[in-house]
Amino acid sequence: MNPQYKLLREITPSTRGWIAKVTVIEKLIPRISRNGVLYQRIILADIEPVQEEFRIVDNQFEWSLNTSTSIEETTDENQWNFEDLYNLYYLDQLDAYVDTKTSVDIVAVVLSADLIKKIHTKSELANIQEFLLVDQSLQPKTLTMWDELTETVGKTICEILPQNPIIIGTRLKVVSHNG
C-alpha cells in the first residue's frame, strides 16, 4: 500500500499519523537550552511549490521533532529548483539595501577565505572572518562573519571550499562597516 502524503498546509493540530514529503530549505545553528536540550531550527517546504500569490508565512504552528520522529531521505525526484525557493539578488544590487531592514538571499562563488582575526569594537574584542564572493554580475563583495558564526558557518565554508565553492546565503543583512 502506498503511503498517503499530505501537504504541509493540510496538516492541522488534530491531524494524526500523517506523512509529508518536504524539502529542507535551511538548517540553523544548533542551540542548547538551559536544561541541556539540543534545539535546531529547520525550515521546510512542500515538494510542490505554492503559487507566489498564495505564499503566506503565518507561523501558526511549530513542530517539535524528537527521537520518535521518523525522518527518511528520499531520492532526487520532485526536487525544486532553488531559484523557486529564494528571492535572489545579484551582488551588485546589494548597495541599495545597505543598513535597511531588508534581508536578502544570494548565490555566489567563494573566491577566498581569510583566517579568523580579532578586532576591537566599541565595547569588546570580536572575532571576524572575511570571505571574498563573486557571482555572475562579476562584482566582488566581502562577506564578513562575526563571533559565533566564524566557528560554525565560517568553519563549514572553509571545509567545503576546496570541493564546492558555491554558497547560498539566506536572510542576510547588508550593512556598511565603519571601520
Protein backbone atom coordinates (compact mmCIF):
# COMPACT_ATOMS: atom_id res chain seq x y z
CA MET A 1 0.00 0.00 0.00
CA ASN A 2 1.37 3.42 -0.97
CA PRO A 3 1.66 5.94 1.85
CA GLN A 4 -0.79 8.83 1.80
CA TYR A 5 1.28 12.01 1.81
CA LYS A 6 -0.14 15.31 2.99
CA LEU A 7 0.92 18.80 2.02
CA LEU A 8 2.10 20.95 4.92
CA ARG A 9 -0.92 23.23 4.56
CA GLU A 10 -3.23 20.21 5.05
CA ILE A 11 -1.78 19.31 8.46
CA THR A 12 -3.61 20.70 11.48
CA PRO A 13 -3.13 20.15 15.23
CA SER A 14 -5.79 17.42 15.10
CA THR A 15 -4.16 15.53 12.19
CA ARG A 16 -2.70 12.24 13.36
CA GLY A 17 -0.43 9.69 11.68
CA TRP A 18 0.48 11.94 8.78
CA ILE A 19 3.39 11.66 6.36
CA ALA A 20 4.73 14.68 4.49
CA LYS A 21 7.38 14.93 1.78
CA VAL A 22 9.32 18.13 2.31
CA THR A 23 12.50 19.80 1.17
CA VAL A 24 14.90 21.09 3.81
CA ILE A 25 15.43 24.73 2.92
CA GLU A 26 17.67 25.78 5.76
CA LYS A 27 19.16 24.39 8.95
CA LEU A 28 20.11 26.96 11.55
CA ILE A 29 22.87 26.57 14.10
CA PRO A 30 22.04 24.03 16.85
CA ARG A 31 21.45 25.58 20.27
CA ILE A 32 21.44 24.08 23.75
CA SER A 33 18.76 25.22 26.19
CA ARG A 34 19.43 25.97 29.86
CA ASN A 35 18.21 22.50 30.80
CA GLY A 36 20.61 20.85 28.33
CA VAL A 37 18.17 20.03 25.49
CA LEU A 38 19.60 20.44 21.98
CA TYR A 39 17.45 22.50 19.62
CA GLN A 40 17.94 23.14 15.92
CA ARG A 41 15.57 25.19 13.82
CA ILE A 42 14.94 23.66 10.40
CA ILE A 43 12.96 25.43 7.68
CA LEU A 44 10.96 23.09 5.47
CA ALA A 45 8.94 23.49 2.27
CA ASP A 46 6.47 21.25 0.48
CA ILE A 47 7.79 19.41 -2.53
CA GLU A 48 5.03 21.09 -4.51
CA PRO A 49 5.71 24.82 -4.88
CA VAL A 50 2.99 27.18 -3.73
CA GLN A 51 1.98 29.76 -6.31
CA GLU A 52 3.64 33.07 -5.49
CA GLU A 53 0.40 34.99 -4.90
CA PHE A 54 -0.62 32.40 -2.28
CA ARG A 55 2.65 32.28 -0.32
CA ILE A 56 1.85 33.19 3.24
CA VAL A 57 4.09 32.56 6.22
CA ASP A 58 1.94 32.98 9.29
CA ASN A 59 3.90 30.69 11.63
CA GLN A 60 0.63 29.41 13.05
CA PHE A 61 2.19 26.09 14.12
CA GLU A 62 5.57 24.93 15.33
CA TRP A 63 6.57 21.28 15.14
CA SER A 64 8.88 19.71 17.63
CA LEU A 65 10.75 16.74 16.23
CA ASN A 66 12.14 14.30 18.77
CA THR A 67 13.78 10.88 18.84
CA SER A 68 10.49 9.16 18.00
CA THR A 69 10.04 11.24 14.82
CA SER A 70 10.82 9.22 11.72
CA ILE A 71 12.75 11.15 9.07
CA GLU A 72 13.85 9.48 5.85
CA GLU A 73 15.85 10.90 2.98
CA THR A 74 14.20 10.45 -0.42
CA THR A 75 15.56 10.28 -3.93
CA ASP A 76 16.02 13.34 -6.12
CA GLU A 77 12.51 13.02 -7.52
CA ASN A 78 10.33 16.09 -7.20
CA GLN A 79 13.26 18.32 -6.26
CA TRP A 80 12.65 22.04 -6.52
CA ASN A 81 14.74 24.46 -8.43
CA PHE A 82 16.38 26.52 -5.65
CA GLU A 83 15.53 29.71 -7.55
CA ASP A 84 11.86 28.99 -6.75
CA LEU A 85 12.66 28.93 -3.03
CA TYR A 86 14.69 32.11 -2.64
CA ASN A 87 14.39 35.76 -3.56
CA LEU A 88 17.87 36.01 -5.07
CA TYR A 89 19.81 39.24 -5.57
CA TYR A 90 22.98 39.83 -7.55
CA LEU A 91 25.91 41.12 -5.51
CA ASP A 92 25.95 44.37 -7.50
CA GLN A 93 22.35 45.04 -6.32
CA LEU A 94 23.19 44.90 -2.62
CA ASP A 95 24.20 48.56 -2.24
CA ALA A 96 20.51 49.52 -2.39
CA TYR A 97 19.90 47.51 0.80
CA VAL A 98 22.77 48.81 2.97
CA ASP A 99 21.60 49.50 6.54
CA THR A 100 17.95 48.70 5.78
CA LYS A 101 15.77 46.11 7.49
CA THR A 102 15.50 44.13 4.25
CA SER A 103 17.13 40.73 4.25
CA VAL A 104 18.48 39.30 1.01
CA ASP A 105 19.32 35.89 -0.43
CA ILE A 106 22.39 35.38 -2.63
CA VAL A 107 24.13 32.64 -4.58
CA ALA A 108 27.84 33.23 -5.00
CA VAL A 109 31.22 31.62 -5.51
CA VAL A 110 33.67 31.97 -2.63
CA LEU A 111 36.97 33.12 -4.13
CA SER A 112 38.91 33.23 -0.87
CA ALA A 113 38.54 32.90 2.88
CA ASP A 114 40.64 34.87 5.34
CA LEU A 115 41.75 33.48 8.66
CA ILE A 116 39.76 34.41 11.76
CA LYS A 117 41.10 37.61 13.30
CA LYS A 118 40.29 39.61 16.40
CA ILE A 119 39.22 43.23 16.18
CA HIS A 120 38.30 45.85 18.75
CA THR A 121 34.70 47.07 18.65
CA LYS A 122 33.26 49.89 20.76
CA SER A 123 32.55 47.56 23.66
CA GLU A 124 34.64 44.40 23.29
CA LEU A 125 37.01 42.23 21.33
CA ALA A 126 35.28 40.38 18.45
CA ASN A 127 36.22 37.59 16.07
CA ILE A 128 35.67 38.17 12.36
CA GLN A 129 36.30 36.16 9.23
CA GLU A 130 36.00 37.61 5.75
CA PHE A 131 35.13 35.83 2.52
CA LEU A 132 35.54 37.29 -0.97
CA LEU A 133 32.47 36.45 -3.08
CA VAL A 134 31.59 36.86 -6.75
CA ASP A 135 28.54 35.95 -8.84
CA GLN A 136 27.52 36.35 -12.48
CA SER A 137 27.49 40.15 -12.04
CA LEU A 138 31.30 39.81 -11.58
CA GLN A 139 31.14 42.46 -8.83
CA PRO A 140 33.21 41.10 -5.91
CA LYS A 141 31.85 41.66 -2.41
CA THR A 142 33.13 40.84 1.05
CA LEU A 143 31.03 38.69 3.35
CA THR A 144 32.04 39.12 6.99
CA MET A 145 31.18 36.54 9.64
CA TRP A 146 31.17 37.72 13.25
CA ASP A 147 31.88 35.91 16.53
CA GLU A 148 29.95 32.62 16.83
CA LEU A 149 29.37 32.43 13.08
CA THR A 150 33.12 32.22 12.46
CA GLU A 151 33.24 28.95 14.42
CA THR A 152 30.11 27.45 12.86
CA VAL A 153 29.21 28.73 9.39
CA GLY A 154 32.66 30.11 8.60
CA LYS A 155 34.33 26.84 9.55
CA THR A 156 31.89 24.88 7.37
CA ILE A 157 32.51 27.14 4.36
CA CYS A 158 36.27 26.72 4.78
CA GLU A 159 35.94 22.93 4.99
CA ILE A 160 33.87 22.60 1.80
CA LEU A 161 35.60 25.38 -0.13
CA PRO A 162 38.10 23.14 -1.99
CA GLN A 163 35.34 20.79 -3.23
CA ASN A 164 32.38 23.14 -3.60
CA PRO A 165 32.95 26.90 -3.51
CA ILE A 166 29.30 27.78 -4.29
CA ILE A 167 27.22 29.05 -1.37
CA ILE A 168 23.64 30.18 -0.84
CA GLY A 169 23.27 32.91 1.77
CA THR A 170 19.76 33.41 3.11
CA ARG A 171 18.23 36.22 5.15
CA LEU A 172 21.45 38.24 5.04
CA LYS A 173 21.55 41.83 6.29
CA VAL A 174 23.59 44.28 4.24
CA VAL A 175 25.45 46.71 6.48
CA SER A 176 28.20 49.23 5.99
CA HIS A 177 31.33 48.60 8.01
CA ASN A 178 32.62 51.71 9.71
CA GLY A 179 35.99 50.71 10.36
